[in-house]
Structures are given as C-alpha cells and as structure tokens.
C-alpha cells in the first residue's frame, strides 16, 4: 500500500489515474472502431467476391473471345 506525505501527492496520483483511465477508454474506442471497420470490410468482401467470381470471370472470358 502506498503512503502519501501530503494532500498534493494524493491529488497528483488521482490525476494520474484519471488520465490513465481516459487513455484506456480511448484505446477501447479505437479498438471498437477497428473491429467495426474490419467486420464491415469482411462482410462486403464475402458478399461481393462470390458475385464477382460468378459473373465477372465469365463476362471477361466472353469479352476476350468475342
């Protein structure tokens, strides 16, 4: 357990803990944003890639040999 010599030491420690908490909250927000971006990208790719394979490749082949 930490012992404090003055009220100022306590205030500084509390301020430090508050700032550390704010940093952690911002890191969590950033992680949630990154997860949301990755999830959206994965859904788009998993939806569009099969469609592109199904229609895009035959279309390109048709255009090449036309």
Protein backbone atom coordinates (compact mmCIF):
# COMPACT_ATOMS: atom_id res chain seq x y z
CA UNK A 1 0.00 0.00 0.00
CA UNK A 2 1.26 3.42 -0.93
CA UNK A 3 1.69 6.06 1.71
CA UNK A 4 1.30 9.73 0.93
CA UNK A 5 3.18 12.61 2.53
CA UNK A 6 0.81 15.37 1.52
CA UNK A 7 -2.55 16.14 0.02
CA UNK A 8 -0.78 17.30 -3.12
CA UNK A 9 0.72 13.81 -3.58
CA UNK A 10 -2.75 12.31 -3.35
CA UNK A 11 -4.12 14.80 -5.88
CA UNK A 12 -1.28 14.09 -8.31
CA UNK A 13 -1.82 10.36 -8.02
CA UNK A 14 -5.56 10.75 -8.57
CA UNK A 15 -4.93 12.95 -11.61
CA UNK A 16 -2.52 10.37 -12.99
CA UNK A 17 -5.08 7.57 -12.52
CA UNK A 18 -7.77 9.67 -14.17
CA UNK A 19 -5.54 10.29 -17.22
CA UNK A 20 -4.63 6.59 -17.42
CA UNK A 21 -8.35 5.75 -17.34
CA UNK A 22 -9.05 8.24 -20.16
CA UNK A 23 -6.26 6.68 -22.23
CA UNK A 24 -7.72 3.21 -21.73
CA UNK A 25 -11.20 4.42 -22.71
CA UNK A 26 -9.84 5.99 -25.90
CA UNK A 27 -7.91 2.80 -26.72
CA UNK A 28 -11.11 0.80 -26.27
CA UNK A 29 -13.00 3.18 -28.59
CA UNK A 30 -10.26 2.81 -31.20
CA UNK A 31 -10.38 -0.98 -30.94
CA UNK A 32 -14.16 -0.99 -31.34
CA UNK A 33 -13.83 1.26 -34.40
CA UNK A 34 -11.19 -1.04 -35.90
CA UNK A 35 -13.33 -4.11 -35.27
CA UNK A 36 -16.31 -2.38 -36.89
CA UNK A 37 -14.23 -1.46 -39.96
CA UNK A 38 -12.82 -4.97 -40.29
CA UNK A 39 -16.24 -6.56 -39.84
CA UNK A 40 -17.78 -4.29 -42.47
CA UNK A 41 -14.93 -4.99 -44.90
CA UNK A 42 -15.22 -8.73 -44.36
CA UNK A 43 -18.97 -8.69 -44.98
CA UNK A 44 -18.55 -6.67 -48.16
CA UNK A 45 -15.76 -8.92 -49.44
CA UNK A 46 -17.56 -12.13 -48.54
CA UNK A 47 -20.64 -10.85 -50.38
CA UNK A 48 -19.06 -9.25 -53.43
CA UNK A 49 -16.28 -11.74 -54.10
CA UNK A 50 -18.57 -14.69 -54.91
CA UNK A 51 -20.71 -12.44 -57.10
CA UNK A 52 -17.64 -11.19 -58.94
CA UNK A 53 -16.43 -14.75 -59.43
CA UNK A 54 -19.81 -15.90 -60.66
CA UNK A 55 -20.47 -13.09 -63.12
CA UNK A 56 -17.17 -11.29 -63.65
CA UNK A 57 -14.97 -14.14 -64.87
CA UNK A 58 -17.44 -15.48 -67.46
CA UNK A 59 -18.01 -11.92 -68.66
CA UNK A 60 -14.27 -11.35 -69.09
CA UNK A 61 -13.86 -14.65 -70.91
CA UNK A 62 -16.77 -13.79 -73.18
CA UNK A 63 -15.27 -10.35 -73.92
CA UNK A 64 -11.83 -11.82 -74.68
CA UNK A 65 -13.07 -14.44 -77.14
CA UNK A 66 -15.72 -12.30 -78.76
